[in-house]
C-alpha atoms as a PDB file:
ATOM      1  CA  MET A   1      79.025 112.016  70.110  1.00  0.00           C
ATOM      2  CA  SER A   2      79.185 111.508  66.354  1.00  0.00           C
ATOM      3  CA  SER A   3      80.893 108.108  66.704  1.00  0.00           C
ATOM      4  CA  GLN A   4      77.624 106.724  68.051  1.00  0.00           C
ATOM      5  CA  GLN A   5      75.707 107.639  64.912  1.00  0.00           C
ATOM      6  CA  ARG A   6      75.090 105.177  62.109  1.00  0.00           C
ATOM      7  CA  LEU A   7      74.076 106.064  58.589  1.00  0.00           C
ATOM      8  CA  PRO A   8      73.404 103.688  55.688  1.00  0.00           C
ATOM      9  CA  ALA A   9      75.801 104.061  52.804  1.00  0.00           C
ATOM     10  CA  ARG A  10      77.082 102.257  49.745  1.00  0.00           C
ATOM     11  CA  HIS A  11      80.308 101.142  48.177  1.00  0.00           C
ATOM     12  CA  CYS A  12      80.763 100.470  44.460  1.00  0.00           C
ATOM     13  CA  ARG A  13      81.038  96.735  43.835  1.00  0.00           C
ATOM     14  CA  GLY A  14      80.759  95.040  40.461  1.00  0.00           C
ATOM     15  CA  ASN A  15      78.302  96.786  38.186  1.00  0.00           C
ATOM     16  CA  GLY A  16      76.039  98.008  40.955  1.00  0.00           C
ATOM     17  CA  TYR A  17      76.165  99.209  44.516  1.00  0.00           C
ATOM     18  CA  ASP A  18      76.505  97.103  47.614  1.00  0.00           C
ATOM     19  CA  ARG A  19      75.082  98.388  50.870  1.00  0.00           C
ATOM     20  CA  GLY A  20      77.221  97.694  53.871  1.00  0.00           C
ATOM     21  CA  THR A  21      79.821 100.321  54.799  1.00  0.00           C
ATOM     22  CA  GLU A  22      78.210 102.820  57.112  1.00  0.00           C
ATOM     23  CA  GLY A  23      79.344 106.429  56.992  1.00  0.00           C
ATOM     24  CA  VAL A  24      81.152 106.012  53.661  1.00  0.00           C
ATOM     25  CA  VAL A  25      79.449 107.324  50.562  1.00  0.00           C
ATOM     26  CA  PRO A  26      80.657 106.718  46.988  1.00  0.00           C
ATOM     27  CA  MET A  27      80.092 109.848  44.946  1.00  0.00           C
ATOM     28  CA  PRO A  28      80.823 109.524  41.235  1.00  0.00           C
ATOM     29  CA  GLY A  29      80.425 113.028  39.892  1.00  0.00           C
ATOM     30  CA  SER A  30      80.092 114.963  43.139  1.00  0.00           C
ATOM     31  CA  ILE A  31      81.793 115.752  46.408  1.00  0.00           C
ATOM     32  CA  SER A  32      79.663 115.751  49.543  1.00  0.00           C
ATOM     33  CA  ASP A  33      79.819 114.319  53.077  1.00  0.00           C
ATOM     34  CA  ILE A  34      83.076 116.239  53.303  1.00  0.00           C
ATOM     35  CA  GLN A  35      82.709 116.582  57.049  1.00  0.00           C
ATOM     36  CA  GLY A  36      83.293 112.866  57.535  1.00  0.00           C
ATOM     37  CA  ASP A  37      81.943 112.848  61.096  1.00  0.00           C
ATOM     38  CA  ILE A  38      81.155 109.133  61.560  1.00  0.00           C
ATOM     39  CA  PHE A  39      83.792 106.818  63.048  1.00  0.00           C
ATOM     40  CA  TYR A  40      83.744 103.316  61.614  1.00  0.00           C
ATOM     41  CA  ILE A  41      85.897 100.156  61.446  1.00  0.00           C
ATOM     42  CA  GLU A  42      85.449  97.226  59.092  1.00  0.00           C
ATOM     43  CA  ASN A  43      87.318  94.019  58.279  1.00  0.00           C
ATOM     44  CA  ARG A  44      86.473  92.487  54.906  1.00  0.00           C
ATOM     45  CA  ALA A  45      87.821  91.030  51.708  1.00  0.00           C
ATOM     46  CA  PRO A  46      89.168  93.763  49.384  1.00  0.00           C
ATOM     47  CA  TYR A  47      87.583  94.119  45.957  1.00  0.00           C
ATOM     48  CA  ILE A  48      88.127  95.923  42.685  1.00  0.00           C
ATOM     49  CA  MET A  49      86.125  99.174  42.405  1.00  0.00           C
ATOM     50  CA  ASP A  50      84.400 100.215  39.189  1.00  0.00           C
ATOM     51  CA  SER A  51      84.774 103.924  39.930  1.00  0.00           C
ATOM     52  CA  GLY A  52      86.434 106.365  42.272  1.00  0.00           C
ATOM     53  CA  HIS A  53      84.724 107.686  45.376  1.00  0.00           C
ATOM     54  CA  VAL A  54      85.351 110.269  48.074  1.00  0.00           C
ATOM     55  CA  HIS A  55      84.302 110.829  51.653  1.00  0.00           C
ATOM     56  CA  GLY A  56      85.384 113.177  54.380  1.00  0.00           C
ATOM     57  CA  HIS A  57      87.356 110.851  56.657  1.00  0.00           C
ATOM     58  CA  VAL A  58      91.030 110.257  57.132  1.00  0.00           C
ATOM     59  CA  GLU A  59      91.216 106.598  56.134  1.00  0.00           C
ATOM     60  CA  LEU A  60      93.557 103.899  57.420  1.00  0.00           C
ATOM     61  CA  ASN A  61      94.011 100.720  55.339  1.00  0.00           C
ATOM     62  CA  TYR A  62      95.830  97.552  56.391  1.00  0.00           C
ATOM     63  CA  LEU A  63      96.112  94.645  53.936  1.00  0.00           C
ATOM     64  CA  LEU A  64      96.723  91.055  55.046  1.00  0.00           C
ATOM     65  CA  GLY A  65      97.660  88.280  52.615  1.00  0.00           C
ATOM     66  CA  CYS A  66      97.625  90.591  49.619  1.00  0.00           C
ATOM     67  CA  SER A  67      98.881  93.839  48.152  1.00  0.00           C
ATOM     68  CA  ALA A  68      96.757  96.312  46.194  1.00  0.00           C
ATOM     69  CA  THR A  69      97.096  99.034  43.608  1.00  0.00           C
ATOM     70  CA  TYR A  70      95.031 102.167  44.154  1.00  0.00           C
ATOM     71  CA  ILE A  71      94.451 105.244  42.062  1.00  0.00           C
ATOM     72  CA  VAL A  72      94.589 108.091  44.572  1.00  0.00           C
ATOM     73  CA  ASN A  73      94.653 111.727  43.564  1.00  0.00           C
ATOM     74  CA  GLY A  74      95.091 110.741  39.907  1.00  0.00           C
ATOM     75  CA  ARG A  75      98.131 108.499  40.477  1.00  0.00           C
ATOM     76  CA  GLU A  76      98.573 104.722  40.607  1.00  0.00           C
ATOM     77  CA  GLN A  77     100.101 103.729  43.939  1.00  0.00           C
ATOM     78  CA  ARG A  78     100.859 100.272  45.293  1.00  0.00           C
ATOM     79  CA  ILE A  79     100.059  99.513  48.927  1.00  0.00           C
ATOM     80  CA  PRO A  80     102.046  96.519  50.210  1.00  0.00           C
ATOM     81  CA  GLU A  81     100.669  94.002  52.664  1.00  0.00           C
ATOM     82  CA  ASN A  82     101.320  94.489  56.359  1.00  0.00           C
ATOM     83  CA  ARG A  83     101.897  98.240  56.002  1.00  0.00           C
ATOM     84  CA  LEU A  84      99.436 100.710  57.501  1.00  0.00           C
ATOM     85  CA  ALA A  85      98.437 103.250  54.832  1.00  0.00           C
ATOM     86  CA  ILE A  86      97.008 106.629  55.858  1.00  0.00           C
ATOM     87  CA  PHE A  87      95.364 109.099  53.476  1.00  0.00           C
ATOM     88  CA  TRP A  88      92.605 111.692  53.342  1.00  0.00           C
ATOM     89  CA  ALA A  89      89.677 110.019  51.638  1.00  0.00           C
ATOM     90  CA  ASN A  90      88.461 113.330  50.237  1.00  0.00           C
ATOM     91  CA  MET A  91      90.978 112.586  47.461  1.00  0.00           C
ATOM     92  CA  PRO A  92      89.210 110.548  44.759  1.00  0.00           C
ATOM     93  CA  HIS A  93      90.419 106.983  45.330  1.00  0.00           C
ATOM     94  CA  ARG A  94      89.785 103.596  43.836  1.00  0.00           C
ATOM     95  CA  LEU A  95      91.210 100.089  44.295  1.00  0.00           C
ATOM     96  CA  VAL A  96      92.079  98.854  40.787  1.00  0.00           C
ATOM     97  CA  ALA A  97      94.210  95.709  41.226  1.00  0.00           C
ATOM     98  CA  LEU A  98      94.893  92.979  43.807  1.00  0.00           C
ATOM     99  CA  VAL A  99      97.735  90.496  44.172  1.00  0.00           C
ATOM    100  CA  GLU A 100      96.720  87.775  46.632  1.00  0.00           C
ATOM    101  CA  LYS A 101      99.022  85.087  48.043  1.00  0.00           C
ATOM    102  CA  SER A 102      96.137  82.617  47.994  1.00  0.00           C
ATOM    103  CA  GLN A 103      92.999  83.023  45.899  1.00  0.00           C
ATOM    104  CA  GLY A 104      90.314  84.826  47.869  1.00  0.00           C
ATOM    105  CA  GLN A 105      92.344  84.920  51.091  1.00  0.00           C
ATOM    106  CA  GLY A 106      93.183  88.618  51.243  1.00  0.00           C
ATOM    107  CA  THR A 107      91.784  90.724  54.078  1.00  0.00           C
ATOM    108  CA  LEU A 108      91.505  94.485  54.505  1.00  0.00           C
ATOM    109  CA  TYR A 109      91.073  96.482  57.692  1.00  0.00           C
ATOM    110  CA  ASN A 110      89.477  99.881  57.016  1.00  0.00           C
ATOM    111  CA  LEU A 111      89.334 102.541  59.703  1.00  0.00           C
ATOM    112  CA  TYR A 112      87.466 105.770  59.003  1.00  0.00           C
ATOM    113  CA  ILE A 113      88.559 108.603  61.304  1.00  0.00           C
ATOM    114  CA  PRO A 114      86.345 111.712  61.479  1.00  0.00           C
ATOM    115  CA  LEU A 115      88.156 114.753  60.172  1.00  0.00           C
ATOM    116  CA  PRO A 116      87.565 116.893  63.313  1.00  0.00           C
ATOM    117  CA  GLU A 117      89.211 114.170  65.426  1.00  0.00           C
ATOM    118  CA  PHE A 118      92.255 113.981  63.158  1.00  0.00           C
ATOM    119  CA  LEU A 119      92.713 117.754  63.058  1.00  0.00           C
ATOM    120  CA  GLN A 120      92.912 118.070  66.817  1.00  0.00           C
ATOM    121  CA  TRP A 121      95.222 115.121  67.503  1.00  0.00           C
ATOM    122  CA  PRO A 122      98.755 116.124  68.666  1.00  0.00           C
ATOM    123  CA  LEU A 123     100.626 115.059  65.520  1.00  0.00           C
ATOM    124  CA  MET A 124     103.690 116.595  63.940  1.00  0.00           C
ATOM    125  CA  GLU A 125     102.643 119.155  61.391  1.00  0.00           C
ATOM    126  CA  GLN A 126     104.586 117.579  58.533  1.00  0.00           C
ATOM    127  CA  LEU A 127     102.640 114.328  58.848  1.00  0.00           C
ATOM    128  CA  ARG A 128      99.315 116.156  59.037  1.00  0.00           C
ATOM    129  CA  GLN A 129     100.112 118.350  56.052  1.00  0.00           C
ATOM    130  CA  GLU A 130     101.252 115.441  53.889  1.00  0.00           C
ATOM    131  CA  VAL A 131      98.004 113.589  54.573  1.00  0.00           C
ATOM    132  CA  MET A 132      95.817 116.662  54.051  1.00  0.00           C
ATOM    133  CA  THR A 133      97.462 117.587  50.753  1.00  0.00           C
ATOM    134  CA  GLY A 134      97.065 114.244  49.007  1.00  0.00           C
ATOM    135  CA  SER A 135      99.979 111.996  50.001  1.00  0.00           C
ATOM    136  CA  ILE A 136      99.655 108.391  51.114  1.00  0.00           C
ATOM    137  CA  VAL A 137     101.667 107.829  54.283  1.00  0.00           C
ATOM    138  CA  LEU A 138     102.948 104.321  55.090  1.00  0.00           C
ATOM    139  CA  ALA A 139     103.771 103.542  58.713  1.00  0.00           C
ATOM    140  CA  LYS A 140     107.046 101.721  59.361  1.00  0.00           C
ATOM    141  CA  PRO A 141     106.696  97.901  59.398  1.00  0.00           C
ATOM    142  CA  ASP A 142     105.459  96.621  62.771  1.00  0.00           C
ATOM    143  CA  HIS A 143     103.071  93.814  61.885  1.00  0.00           C
ATOM    144  CA  ASP A 144     102.745  92.035  65.243  1.00  0.00           C
ATOM    145  CA  TYR A 145     101.922  95.246  67.095  1.00  0.00           C
ATOM    146  CA  LEU A 146      99.559  96.615  64.436  1.00  0.00           C
ATOM    147  CA  PHE A 147      97.694  93.344  63.877  1.00  0.00           C
ATOM    148  CA  MET A 148      97.160  92.969  67.623  1.00  0.00           C
ATOM    149  CA  ARG A 149      95.812  96.519  67.886  1.00  0.00           C
ATOM    150  CA  LEU A 150      93.594  96.267  64.792  1.00  0.00           C
ATOM    151  CA  SER A 151      92.092  92.954  65.919  1.00  0.00           C
ATOM    152  CA  ARG A 152      91.341  94.380  69.348  1.00  0.00           C
ATOM    153  CA  TRP A 153      89.872  97.601  67.966  1.00  0.00           C
ATOM    154  CA  TYR A 154      87.642  95.730  65.530  1.00  0.00           C
ATOM    155  CA  GLY A 155      86.345  93.462  68.295  1.00  0.00           C
ATOM    156  CA  ASP A 156      85.732  96.400  70.627  1.00  0.00           C
ATOM    157  CA  PHE A 157      83.983  98.339  67.865  1.00  0.00           C
ATOM    158  CA  GLN A 158      81.623  95.414  67.203  1.00  0.00           C
ATOM    159  CA  SER A 159      80.517  95.511  70.838  1.00  0.00           C
ATOM    160  CA  ASP A 160      78.852  98.864  70.083  1.00  0.00           C
ATOM    161  CA  HIS A 161      79.751 100.455  73.434  1.00  0.00           C
ATOM    162  CA  PRO A 162      80.236 104.243  73.032  1.00  0.00           C
ATOM    163  CA  GLU A 163      82.906 104.259  75.747  1.00  0.00           C
ATOM    164  CA  LEU A 164      84.962 101.654  73.898  1.00  0.00           C
ATOM    165  CA  LYS A 165      84.761 103.730  70.721  1.00  0.00           C
ATOM    166  CA  GLU A 166      86.127 106.702  72.629  1.00  0.00           C
ATOM    167  CA  ILE A 167      88.997 104.517  73.867  1.00  0.00           C
ATOM    168  CA  ILE A 168      89.716 103.297  70.319  1.00  0.00           C
ATOM    169  CA  LEU A 169      89.931 106.874  69.048  1.00  0.00           C
ATOM    170  CA  GLY A 170      92.286 107.785  71.888  1.00  0.00           C
ATOM    171  CA  GLU A 171      94.523 104.815  71.079  1.00  0.00           C
ATOM    172  CA  LEU A 172      94.461 105.687  67.377  1.00  0.00           C
ATOM    173  CA  SER A 173      95.632 109.171  68.287  1.00  0.00           C
ATOM    174  CA  LEU A 174      98.584 107.658  70.147  1.00  0.00           C
ATOM    175  CA  LEU A 175      99.349 105.329  67.227  1.00  0.00           C
ATOM    176  CA  LEU A 176      99.560 108.227  64.783  1.00  0.00           C
ATOM    177  CA  LYS A 177     101.646 110.171  67.286  1.00  0.00           C
ATOM    178  CA  ARG A 178     104.008 107.167  67.380  1.00  0.00           C
ATOM    179  CA  ILE A 179     104.181 107.237  63.560  1.00  0.00           C
ATOM    180  CA  SER A 180     104.958 110.966  63.720  1.00  0.00           C
ATOM    181  CA  PHE A 181     107.910 110.149  65.959  1.00  0.00           C
ATOM    182  CA  GLN A 182     109.187 106.999  64.193  1.00  0.00           C
ATOM    183  CA  GLY A 183     108.928 108.326  60.646  1.00  0.00           C
ATOM    184  CA  TRP A 184     107.038 107.078  57.623  1.00  0.00           C
ATOM    185  CA  ASP A 185     107.406 106.085  53.984  1.00  0.00           C
ATOM    186  CA  HIS A 186     105.454 106.685  50.779  1.00  0.00           C
ATOM    187  CA  PRO A 187     104.354 104.031  48.248  1.00  0.00           C
ATOM    188  CA  GLU A 188     106.822 105.272  45.649  1.00  0.00           C
ATOM    189  CA  THR A 189     109.755 104.764  48.063  1.00  0.00           C
ATOM    190  CA  VAL A 190     108.862 101.164  48.923  1.00  0.00           C
ATOM    191  CA  SER A 191     110.120  98.476  46.536  1.00  0.00           C
ATOM    192  CA  SER A 192     108.140  95.386  45.559  1.00  0.00           C
ATOM    193  CA  SER A 193     110.070  93.418  48.178  1.00  0.00           C
ATOM    194  CA  ASP A 194     109.019  96.014  50.766  1.00  0.00           C
ATOM    195  CA  HIS A 195     112.577  96.904  51.769  1.00  0.00           C
ATOM    196  CA  ASP A 196     112.499 100.242  53.497  1.00  0.00           C
ATOM    197  CA  GLU A 197     114.294 103.309  52.310  1.00  0.00           C
ATOM    198  CA  GLU A 198     114.912 106.243  54.579  1.00  0.00           C
ATOM    199  CA  SER A 199     111.826 108.353  54.796  1.00  0.00           C
ATOM    200  CA  PRO A 200     112.399 111.972  53.834  1.00  0.00           C
ATOM    201  CA  ALA A 201     110.075 112.867  56.681  1.00  0.00           C
ATOM    202  CA  GLU A 202     112.532 111.530  59.269  1.00  0.00           C
ATOM    203  CA  THR A 203     115.205 114.112  58.565  1.00  0.00           C
ATOM    204  CA  ASP A 204     112.924 116.991  59.352  1.00  0.00           C
ATOM    205  CA  GLN A 205     110.546 115.960  62.072  1.00  0.00           C
ATOM    206  CA  ALA A 206     112.219 117.532  65.083  1.00  0.00           C
ATOM    207  CA  SER A 207     111.396 121.001  63.837  1.00  0.00           C
ATOM    208  CA  SER A 208     107.649 120.300  63.642  1.00  0.00           C
ATOM    209  CA  HIS A 209     105.422 120.557  66.684  1.00  0.00           C
ATOM    210  CA  PRO A 210     101.645 120.726  67.026  1.00  0.00           C
ATOM    211  CA  GLY A 211     100.452 124.254  67.694  1.00  0.00           C
ATOM    212  CA  SER A 212      97.958 125.352  70.313  1.00  0.00           C
ATOM    213  CA  GLY A 213      96.045 127.270  67.630  1.00  0.00           C
ATOM    214  CA  ARG A 214      95.360 124.019  65.811  1.00  0.00           C
ATOM    215  CA  LEU A 215      93.981 122.341  68.933  1.00  0.00           C
ATOM    216  CA  LYS A 216      91.787 125.340  69.710  1.00  0.00           C
ATOM    217  CA  GLY A 217      90.501 125.837  66.173  1.00  0.00           C
ATOM    218  CA  ALA A 218      90.064 122.287  64.811  1.00  0.00           C
ATOM    219  CA  HIS A 219      86.276 122.521  64.992  1.00  0.00           C
ATOM    220  CA  HIS A 220      86.239 125.858  63.143  1.00  0.00           C
ATOM    221  CA  VAL A 221      88.491 124.498  60.394  1.00  0.00           C
ATOM    222  CA  SER A 222      86.312 121.419  60.003  1.00  0.00           C
ATOM    223  CA  THR A 223      83.297 123.706  59.548  1.00  0.00           C
ATOM    224  CA  MET A 224      85.229 125.763  56.976  1.00  0.00           C
ATOM    225  CA  ILE A 225      86.067 122.598  55.027  1.00  0.00           C
ATOM    226  CA  HIS A 226      82.425 121.551  55.083  1.00  0.00           C
ATOM    227  CA  PHE A 227      81.299 124.969  53.806  1.00  0.00           C
ATOM    228  CA  ILE A 228      83.914 124.956  51.029  1.00  0.00           C
ATOM    229  CA  GLY A 229      82.920 121.455  49.959  1.00  0.00           C
ATOM    230  CA  GLU A 230      79.279 122.451  49.627  1.00  0.00           C
ATOM    231  CA  ASN A 231      80.069 125.584  47.591  1.00  0.00           C
ATOM    232  CA  LEU A 232      82.861 124.566  45.206  1.00  0.00           C
ATOM    233  CA  HIS A 233      80.622 125.335  42.236  1.00  0.00           C
ATOM    234  CA  GLN A 234      80.330 128.977  43.324  1.00  0.00           C
ATOM    235  CA  PRO A 235      82.914 131.808  43.246  1.00  0.00           C
ATOM    236  CA  ILE A 236      83.405 131.852  47.019  1.00  0.00           C
ATOM    237  CA  SER A 237      86.272 133.685  48.714  1.00  0.00           C
ATOM    238  CA  THR A 238      88.046 133.776  52.069  1.00  0.00           C
ATOM    239  CA  ALA A 239      85.637 136.536  53.125  1.00  0.00           C
ATOM    240  CA  ASP A 240      82.662 134.245  52.390  1.00  0.00           C
ATOM    241  CA  VAL A 241      84.175 131.498  54.534  1.00  0.00           C
ATOM    242  CA  ALA A 242      84.777 133.939  57.398  1.00  0.00           C
ATOM    243  CA  ALA A 243      81.253 135.353  57.140  1.00  0.00           C
ATOM    244  CA  HIS A 244      79.764 131.849  57.287  1.00  0.00           C
ATOM    245  CA  LEU A 245      81.447 131.265  60.641  1.00  0.00           C
ATOM    246  CA  GLY A 246      80.942 134.811  61.907  1.00  0.00           C
ATOM    247  CA  LEU A 247      84.702 135.273  62.341  1.00  0.00           C
ATOM    248  CA  HIS A 248      87.075 138.029  61.315  1.00  0.00           C
ATOM    249  CA  LYS A 249      88.648 137.441  57.904  1.00  0.00           C
ATOM    250  CA  ASN A 250      92.244 137.703  59.159  1.00  0.00           C
ATOM    251  CA  TYR A 251      91.566 135.351  62.070  1.00  0.00           C
ATOM    252  CA  THR A 252      89.903 132.877  59.699  1.00  0.00           C
ATOM    253  CA  THR A 253      92.843 132.998  57.292  1.00  0.00           C
ATOM    254  CA  ASN A 254      95.472 132.535  59.988  1.00  0.00           C
ATOM    255  CA  LEU A 255      93.555 129.763  61.743  1.00  0.00           C
ATOM    256  CA  PHE A 256      93.017 127.768  58.547  1.00  0.00           C
ATOM    257  CA  THR A 257      96.663 128.088  57.507  1.00  0.00           C
ATOM    258  CA  SER A 258      97.951 127.081  60.947  1.00  0.00           C
ATOM    259  CA  VAL A 259      95.886 123.869  60.913  1.00  0.00           C
ATOM    260  CA  MET A 260      96.033 122.880  57.244  1.00  0.00           C
ATOM    261  CA  GLY A 261      99.437 124.207  56.222  1.00  0.00           C
ATOM    262  CA  ILE A 262      98.000 125.941  53.140  1.00  0.00           C
ATOM    263  CA  SER A 263      95.840 129.018  52.650  1.00  0.00           C
ATOM    264  CA  ILE A 264      92.088 128.967  52.036  1.00  0.00           C
ATOM    265  CA  LYS A 265      92.690 130.166  48.464  1.00  0.00           C
ATOM    266  CA  GLN A 266      95.118 127.314  47.793  1.00  0.00           C
ATOM    267  CA  TYR A 267      92.758 124.818  49.389  1.00  0.00           C
ATOM    268  CA  LEU A 268      89.825 126.045  47.300  1.00  0.00           C
ATOM    269  CA  GLN A 269      91.708 125.463  44.058  1.00  0.00           C
ATOM    270  CA  PHE A 270      93.002 122.141  45.303  1.00  0.00           C
ATOM    271  CA  GLN A 271      89.468 120.919  46.067  1.00  0.00           C
ATOM    272  CA  ARG A 272      88.103 122.178  42.749  1.00  0.00           C
ATOM    273  CA  LEU A 273      90.771 120.151  40.983  1.00  0.00           C
ATOM    274  CA  GLN A 274      89.893 117.069  43.062  1.00  0.00           C
ATOM    275  CA  LYS A 275      86.257 117.414  42.072  1.00  0.00           C
ATOM    276  CA  ALA A 276      87.262 117.914  38.437  1.00  0.00           C
ATOM    277  CA  GLN A 277      89.350 114.747  38.334  1.00  0.00           C
ATOM    278  CA  LEU A 278      86.483 112.749  39.849  1.00  0.00           C
ATOM    279  CA  LEU A 279      84.105 114.054  37.178  1.00  0.00           C
ATOM    280  CA  LEU A 280      86.624 113.318  34.442  1.00  0.00           C
ATOM    281  CA  MET A 281      87.079 109.747  35.652  1.00  0.00           C
ATOM    282  CA  ASP A 282      83.467 108.862  36.343  1.00  0.00           C
ATOM    283  CA  SER A 283      81.336 110.847  33.912  1.00  0.00           C
ATOM    284  CA  GLU A 284      81.129 111.684  30.212  1.00  0.00           C
ATOM    285  CA  ARG A 285      80.369 115.355  30.738  1.00  0.00           C
ATOM    286  CA  PRO A 286      82.096 117.774  28.363  1.00  0.00           C
ATOM    287  CA  ILE A 287      85.322 119.173  29.771  1.00  0.00           C
ATOM    288  CA  ALA A 288      84.065 122.758  29.566  1.00  0.00           C
ATOM    289  CA  ASP A 289      80.996 121.850  31.658  1.00  0.00           C
ATOM    290  CA  ILE A 290      83.223 120.211  34.249  1.00  0.00           C
ATOM    291  CA  GLY A 291      85.416 123.284  34.557  1.00  0.00           C
ATOM    292  CA  TYR A 292      82.480 125.584  35.218  1.00  0.00           C
ATOM    293  CA  ALA A 293      80.774 123.031  37.515  1.00  0.00           C
ATOM    294  CA  CYS A 294      83.927 123.025  39.665  1.00  0.00           C
ATOM    295  CA  GLY A 295      83.868 126.793  40.163  1.00  0.00           C
ATOM    296  CA  PHE A 296      86.478 127.926  37.634  1.00  0.00           C
ATOM    297  CA  SER A 297      85.601 131.302  36.194  1.00  0.00           C
ATOM    298  CA  SER A 298      86.850 130.478  32.691  1.00  0.00           C
ATOM    299  CA  LEU A 299      87.915 127.466  30.652  1.00  0.00           C
ATOM    300  CA  SER A 300      91.450 128.852  30.289  1.00  0.00           C
ATOM    301  CA  ARG A 301      91.838 129.119  34.092  1.00  0.00           C
ATOM    302  CA  PHE A 302      90.626 125.535  34.446  1.00  0.00           C
ATOM    303  CA  TYR A 303      93.084 124.219  31.841  1.00  0.00           C
ATOM    304  CA  GLU A 304      95.968 126.206  33.312  1.00  0.00           C
ATOM    305  CA  ALA A 305      95.344 125.027  36.889  1.00  0.00           C
ATOM    306  CA  PHE A 306      94.736 121.409  35.837  1.00  0.00           C
ATOM    307  CA  GLN A 307      97.905 121.290  33.699  1.00  0.00           C
ATOM    308  CA  ARG A 308      99.976 122.780  36.503  1.00  0.00           C
ATOM    309  CA  TYR A 309      98.729 120.313  39.125  1.00  0.00           C
ATOM    310  CA  PHE A 310      98.396 117.062  37.152  1.00  0.00           C
ATOM    311  CA  GLY A 311     101.063 117.689  34.498  1.00  0.00           C
ATOM    312  CA  MET A 312      98.653 117.173  31.599  1.00  0.00           C
ATOM    313  CA  PRO A 313      95.459 118.757  30.210  1.00  0.00           C
ATOM    314  CA  PRO A 314      92.051 117.409  31.301  1.00  0.00           C
ATOM    315  CA  GLY A 315      91.412 115.524  28.058  1.00  0.00           C
ATOM    316  CA  GLN A 316      94.657 113.606  28.280  1.00  0.00           C
ATOM    317  CA  PHE A 317      93.994 112.837  31.959  1.00  0.00           C
ATOM    318  CA  ARG A 318      90.603 111.346  31.054  1.00  0.00           C
ATOM    319  CA  LYS A 319      92.096 109.133  28.312  1.00  0.00           C
ATOM    320  CA  LYS A 320      94.922 107.960  30.571  1.00  0.00           C
ATOM    321  CA  LEU A 321      92.510 106.722  33.254  1.00  0.00           C
END
């Protein structure tokens, strides 16, 4: 299974790169490894990142003894301590500030869940769609339970037994199913004192149920996402995605929408904008070059889409960050 594989990778640290986090690849200026098929857990001190990076996993962060400010999907968001944060790491993300209770005493658990695993887990569709469309989800406070589980998972993962890794993934699936049931928050709804407000997700969950089409087609959708990620610079269409998999166009469209909650066309534009914001943040390339490199057919289409999604033109976005 893919969880048994190990690949060397690098995280941005200081002015250079620090080898150490396997299966996670910082990519200033490009989007690759979108499949995110390596399961990994680490426990380390958090650090400020010089630039944004992306990878194909669904990432879980848990901060102990500190809180942190991230830029995720072009927005500053504060992650409090002792709250499990869940987000799709294909969104350009970067840790930009730390507030530690004691100097150098903060700790961060990182769990990198392969995208195919996440897509087939029996979660409520609203939770899955929020994660896959750029939101950070915060689990309800439950420190004793979560710290116990994280400590156990990290210890089991270090043993390097494939069977234990399978058990960890199964237990993670149940944890996220629990979060689906209990409700969740977002960083913008949590005050600095970490008093909870009612999650808007809680009012609506009963109407969302995982579909059998999602379970059956998770592997196909993961392959579609991989293909799209490798071809963002080209004018690909839904028909191209279907042809790559050897599936009927209508079946491909319906399957993708049932799993992801958005159409292939919407997802394509969404990913092109993610790649554009990463290039704007971490390179000095001219804006026109970035638009064409991200697959937009004209500069006006790029500006229009970027303004609509981020609420400002690309040049202003670059200056802001």
